[in-house]
Amino acid sequence: MKFAGLAMAAPAAAAQILQQAAAEAMEFTRQAEATSLGSGTLDHLDLAVTEFNRAYSLKPPKAVFDAAMDYRRKVDALLQGRHTHRQERELLAFAGWLIHVPSCRRRRGATAWPG
């Protein structure tokens, strides 16, 4: 263990080592929490998925399918950027829903699907 000899170090040296360790831990935490997602991105995606689910009964299936797939590609781009573990979990769930919703509608016999 690196700190085994810390007790034998001079108080000033020990304090410097502990201060450096604390600074490194704080930087690690800051980087782990860094994200490129805006504050409302996940809320927007939640609303979009809900709207796509509802839109299939109201709008032409191909238009909804195309829009859902566009959102799916955008979620994939977000997954390639910086995000926290919690955000990644939510983005993966949205990606799954954006694939699942169109496929469920197709199994129910919707017409005018893209070829």
Foldseek 3Di string as FASTA:
>chain_A
DVCPCLVVDDPVVSVVVVVVVVVVVVVVVVQLADAPDDPCVLVVLVVLLVCLLVCPVPDQLQVSLVVLVVVLVVLVVRCVGDHHPVVNVSSVVSNVSSVVSSVVSVVVPHPDHDD
